[in-house]
Amino acid sequence: MAQSASTQTRNAADELADKAANLAERTGDRIERTVQDLADQGRQATEQVQVVAENFKTAVDKSVKDQPLTTLAVAAGIGFVIGALWKS
């Protein structure tokens, strides 16, 4: 028995809707994975910055303790340069 044109059209529309739903679901899954990857990379970057900051703090503390005048002179020089750049 031959299908009517309206039945064929309905079947084609249903098939197209299923394909669109599957594509939307796969796209949503990819977006979710990408967002999760970006969040993980952000956490890793934050952890690395914290390690660098801690190392810098340790180095400054050691420098202040071992060579206070040199550390003061370097800090004054850095302040002068930043002030000159800020002013211009």
N, C-alpha and C. Protein backbone atom coordinates (compact mmCIF):
# COMPACT_ATOMS: atom_id res chain seq x y z
N MET A 1 0.85 -1.17 0.00
CA MET A 1 0.00 0.00 0.00
C MET A 1 0.89 1.23 0.00
N ALA A 2 0.65 2.15 -0.86
CA ALA A 2 1.47 3.34 -1.00
C ALA A 2 1.10 4.35 0.08
N GLN A 3 2.15 5.00 0.60
CA GLN A 3 1.91 6.03 1.61
C GLN A 3 1.42 7.29 0.92
N SER A 4 0.58 7.99 1.60
CA SER A 4 0.11 9.25 1.04
C SER A 4 1.20 10.30 1.15
N ALA A 5 1.10 11.35 0.39
CA ALA A 5 2.09 12.42 0.40
C ALA A 5 2.18 13.07 1.77
N SER A 6 1.06 13.21 2.46
CA SER A 6 1.09 13.84 3.78
C SER A 6 1.80 12.95 4.80
N THR A 7 1.64 11.64 4.67
CA THR A 7 2.34 10.72 5.57
C THR A 7 3.83 10.77 5.31
N GLN A 8 4.22 10.79 4.05
CA GLN A 8 5.64 10.87 3.71
C GLN A 8 6.25 12.18 4.21
N THR A 9 5.50 13.25 4.06
CA THR A 9 5.97 14.55 4.52
C THR A 9 6.12 14.55 6.04
N ARG A 10 5.14 13.97 6.72
CA ARG A 10 5.18 13.88 8.17
C ARG A 10 6.38 13.04 8.62
N ASN A 11 6.61 11.92 7.97
CA ASN A 11 7.74 11.06 8.32
C ASN A 11 9.07 11.79 8.09
N ALA A 12 9.16 12.50 6.98
CA ALA A 12 10.38 13.25 6.68
C ALA A 12 10.59 14.36 7.71
N ALA A 13 9.52 15.01 8.11
CA ALA A 13 9.61 16.08 9.12
C ALA A 13 10.01 15.48 10.47
N ASP A 14 9.46 14.32 10.82
CA ASP A 14 9.83 13.66 12.07
C ASP A 14 11.30 13.26 12.06
N GLU A 15 11.76 12.73 10.94
CA GLU A 15 13.16 12.33 10.82
C GLU A 15 14.08 13.55 10.93
N LEU A 16 13.70 14.61 10.28
CA LEU A 16 14.49 15.85 10.35
C LEU A 16 14.51 16.40 11.77
N ALA A 17 13.39 16.35 12.46
CA ALA A 17 13.32 16.82 13.85
C ALA A 17 14.21 15.97 14.75
N ASP A 18 14.22 14.66 14.53
CA ASP A 18 15.09 13.77 15.32
C ASP A 18 16.56 14.09 15.07
N LYS A 19 16.93 14.31 13.82
CA LYS A 19 18.32 14.66 13.50
C LYS A 19 18.71 15.98 14.14
N ALA A 20 17.81 16.95 14.11
CA ALA A 20 18.09 18.25 14.73
C ALA A 20 18.24 18.11 16.24
N ALA A 21 17.41 17.30 16.87
CA ALA A 21 17.49 17.09 18.31
C ALA A 21 18.81 16.41 18.67
N ASN A 22 19.22 15.42 17.88
CA ASN A 22 20.49 14.74 18.13
C ASN A 22 21.66 15.69 17.96
N LEU A 23 21.61 16.51 16.93
CA LEU A 23 22.68 17.49 16.70
C LEU A 23 22.74 18.49 17.85
N ALA A 24 21.60 18.96 18.31
CA ALA A 24 21.56 19.90 19.42
C ALA A 24 22.13 19.27 20.69
N GLU A 25 21.81 18.00 20.93
CA GLU A 25 22.33 17.31 22.11
C GLU A 25 23.84 17.15 22.03
N ARG A 26 24.36 16.74 20.87
CA ARG A 26 25.81 16.59 20.72
C ARG A 26 26.52 17.92 20.86
N THR A 27 25.93 18.97 20.31
CA THR A 27 26.53 20.30 20.43
C THR A 27 26.54 20.75 21.88
N GLY A 28 25.47 20.51 22.59
CA GLY A 28 25.41 20.85 24.01
C GLY A 28 26.46 20.11 24.81
N ASP A 29 26.66 18.83 24.49
CA ASP A 29 27.68 18.04 25.18
C ASP A 29 29.08 18.60 24.90
N ARG A 30 29.33 18.98 23.67
CA ARG A 30 30.64 19.55 23.32
C ARG A 30 30.88 20.88 24.04
N ILE A 31 29.85 21.69 24.10
CA ILE A 31 29.97 22.98 24.79
C ILE A 31 30.24 22.74 26.27
N GLU A 32 29.54 21.80 26.85
CA GLU A 32 29.74 21.49 28.27
C GLU A 32 31.17 21.02 28.53
N ARG A 33 31.70 20.15 27.66
CA ARG A 33 33.08 19.67 27.82
C ARG A 33 34.07 20.82 27.66
N THR A 34 33.82 21.70 26.70
CA THR A 34 34.71 22.85 26.48
C THR A 34 34.72 23.77 27.69
N VAL A 35 33.56 24.05 28.23
CA VAL A 35 33.47 24.91 29.41
C VAL A 35 34.19 24.27 30.59
N GLN A 36 34.02 22.96 30.76
CA GLN A 36 34.70 22.25 31.84
C GLN A 36 36.22 22.30 31.65
N ASP A 37 36.68 22.12 30.42
CA ASP A 37 38.12 22.21 30.13
C ASP A 37 38.66 23.59 30.44
N LEU A 38 37.91 24.62 30.07
CA LEU A 38 38.34 25.99 30.35
C LEU A 38 38.39 26.26 31.85
N ALA A 39 37.41 25.75 32.57
CA ALA A 39 37.39 25.92 34.02
C ALA A 39 38.60 25.22 34.65
N ASP A 40 38.91 24.03 34.17
CA ASP A 40 40.08 23.30 34.68
C ASP A 40 41.36 24.07 34.40
N GLN A 41 41.48 24.62 33.21
CA GLN A 41 42.67 25.40 32.86
C GLN A 41 42.77 26.65 33.73
N GLY A 42 41.64 27.27 34.02
CA GLY A 42 41.63 28.45 34.89
C GLY A 42 42.10 28.11 36.30
N ARG A 43 41.63 26.97 36.80
CA ARG A 43 42.08 26.53 38.14
C ARG A 43 43.58 26.25 38.15
N GLN A 44 44.07 25.60 37.11
CA GLN A 44 45.50 25.30 37.03
C GLN A 44 46.32 26.59 36.96
N ALA A 45 45.86 27.56 36.17
CA ALA A 45 46.57 28.83 36.07
C ALA A 45 46.58 29.55 37.42
N THR A 46 45.46 29.51 38.13
CA THR A 46 45.39 30.14 39.45
C THR A 46 46.37 29.49 40.41
N GLU A 47 46.43 28.17 40.39
CA GLU A 47 47.36 27.46 41.26
C GLU A 47 48.81 27.84 40.93
N GLN A 48 49.12 27.94 39.64
CA GLN A 48 50.49 28.30 39.24
C GLN A 48 50.83 29.72 39.67
N VAL A 49 49.88 30.64 39.55
CA VAL A 49 50.12 32.02 39.99
C VAL A 49 50.36 32.04 41.50
N GLN A 50 49.62 31.25 42.24
CA GLN A 50 49.81 31.20 43.69
C GLN A 50 51.20 30.67 44.04
N VAL A 51 51.67 29.68 43.31
CA VAL A 51 53.01 29.14 43.55
C VAL A 51 54.07 30.20 43.26
N VAL A 52 53.92 30.91 42.14
CA VAL A 52 54.87 31.96 41.78
C VAL A 52 54.85 33.07 42.82
N ALA A 53 53.66 33.46 43.26
CA ALA A 53 53.55 34.52 44.27
C ALA A 53 54.22 34.10 45.57
N GLU A 54 54.03 32.85 45.96
CA GLU A 54 54.66 32.35 47.19
C GLU A 54 56.18 32.33 47.05
N ASN A 55 56.66 31.90 45.88
CA ASN A 55 58.11 31.90 45.64
C ASN A 55 58.67 33.32 45.67
N PHE A 56 57.94 34.26 45.08
CA PHE A 56 58.37 35.65 45.07
C PHE A 56 58.42 36.21 46.49
N LYS A 57 57.38 35.91 47.26
CA LYS A 57 57.34 36.37 48.65
C LYS A 57 58.51 35.81 49.44
N THR A 58 58.79 34.53 49.24
CA THR A 58 59.91 33.89 49.95
C THR A 58 61.23 34.56 49.55
N ALA A 59 61.39 34.83 48.26
CA ALA A 59 62.63 35.47 47.79
C ALA A 59 62.78 36.88 48.37
N VAL A 60 61.69 37.63 48.41
CA VAL A 60 61.74 38.99 48.95
C VAL A 60 62.04 38.94 50.45
N ASP A 61 61.39 38.04 51.16
CA ASP A 61 61.66 37.91 52.60
C ASP A 61 63.13 37.58 52.86
N LYS A 62 63.67 36.66 52.07
CA LYS A 62 65.08 36.28 52.23
C LYS A 62 65.99 37.46 51.89
N SER A 63 65.66 38.19 50.84
CA SER A 63 66.46 39.33 50.44
C SER A 63 66.45 40.42 51.50
N VAL A 64 65.28 40.69 52.06
CA VAL A 64 65.16 41.71 53.10
C VAL A 64 65.99 41.30 54.32
N LYS A 65 65.96 40.03 54.64
CA LYS A 65 66.69 39.54 55.81
C LYS A 65 68.20 39.56 55.57
N ASP A 66 68.64 39.11 54.37
CA ASP A 66 70.07 38.98 54.08
C ASP A 66 70.71 40.30 53.64
N GLN A 67 69.99 41.09 52.84
CA GLN A 67 70.55 42.34 52.29
C GLN A 67 69.51 43.44 52.34
N PRO A 68 69.22 43.98 53.51
CA PRO A 68 68.13 44.95 53.63
C PRO A 68 68.36 46.23 52.83
N LEU A 69 69.57 46.77 52.82
CA LEU A 69 69.82 48.02 52.09
C LEU A 69 69.72 47.83 50.58
N THR A 70 70.24 46.74 50.09
CA THR A 70 70.14 46.46 48.65
C THR A 70 68.68 46.29 48.25
N THR A 71 67.93 45.58 49.07
CA THR A 71 66.51 45.37 48.78
C THR A 71 65.76 46.70 48.79
N LEU A 72 66.08 47.56 49.73
CA LEU A 72 65.46 48.88 49.80
C LEU A 72 65.80 49.70 48.56
N ALA A 73 67.05 49.65 48.13
CA ALA A 73 67.47 50.39 46.94
C ALA A 73 66.75 49.89 45.68
N VAL A 74 66.63 48.57 45.56
CA VAL A 74 65.92 48.00 44.40
C VAL A 74 64.45 48.41 44.44
N ALA A 75 63.83 48.34 45.60
CA ALA A 75 62.42 48.72 45.72
C ALA A 75 62.23 50.19 45.37
N ALA A 76 63.16 51.05 45.82
CA ALA A 76 63.06 52.48 45.49
C ALA A 76 63.22 52.69 43.99
N GLY A 77 64.14 51.95 43.38
CA GLY A 77 64.34 52.06 41.93
C GLY A 77 63.11 51.62 41.15
N ILE A 78 62.52 50.52 41.58
CA ILE A 78 61.31 50.03 40.91
C ILE A 78 60.18 51.04 41.09
N GLY A 79 60.06 51.60 42.29
CA GLY A 79 59.04 52.63 42.54
C GLY A 79 59.24 53.85 41.67
N PHE A 80 60.49 54.26 41.52
CA PHE A 80 60.80 55.42 40.67
C PHE A 80 60.39 55.15 39.23
N VAL A 81 60.75 53.98 38.71
CA VAL A 81 60.41 53.63 37.32
C VAL A 81 58.90 53.58 37.13
N ILE A 82 58.21 52.94 38.05
CA ILE A 82 56.74 52.85 37.94
C ILE A 82 56.12 54.24 38.01
N GLY A 83 56.65 55.09 38.91
CA GLY A 83 56.14 56.46 39.01
C GLY A 83 56.37 57.25 37.74
N ALA A 84 57.54 57.08 37.13
CA ALA A 84 57.85 57.80 35.90
C ALA A 84 56.94 57.31 34.75
N LEU A 85 56.70 56.02 34.69
CA LEU A 85 55.82 55.48 33.66
C LEU A 85 54.38 55.91 33.88
N TRP A 86 53.97 55.96 35.13
CA TRP A 86 52.61 56.35 35.47
C TRP A 86 52.36 57.81 35.09
N LYS A 87 53.38 58.64 35.32
CA LYS A 87 53.24 60.06 35.07
C LYS A 87 53.17 60.38 33.58
N SER A 88 53.84 59.59 32.76
CA SER A 88 53.87 59.88 31.31
C SER A 88 52.70 59.37 30.55
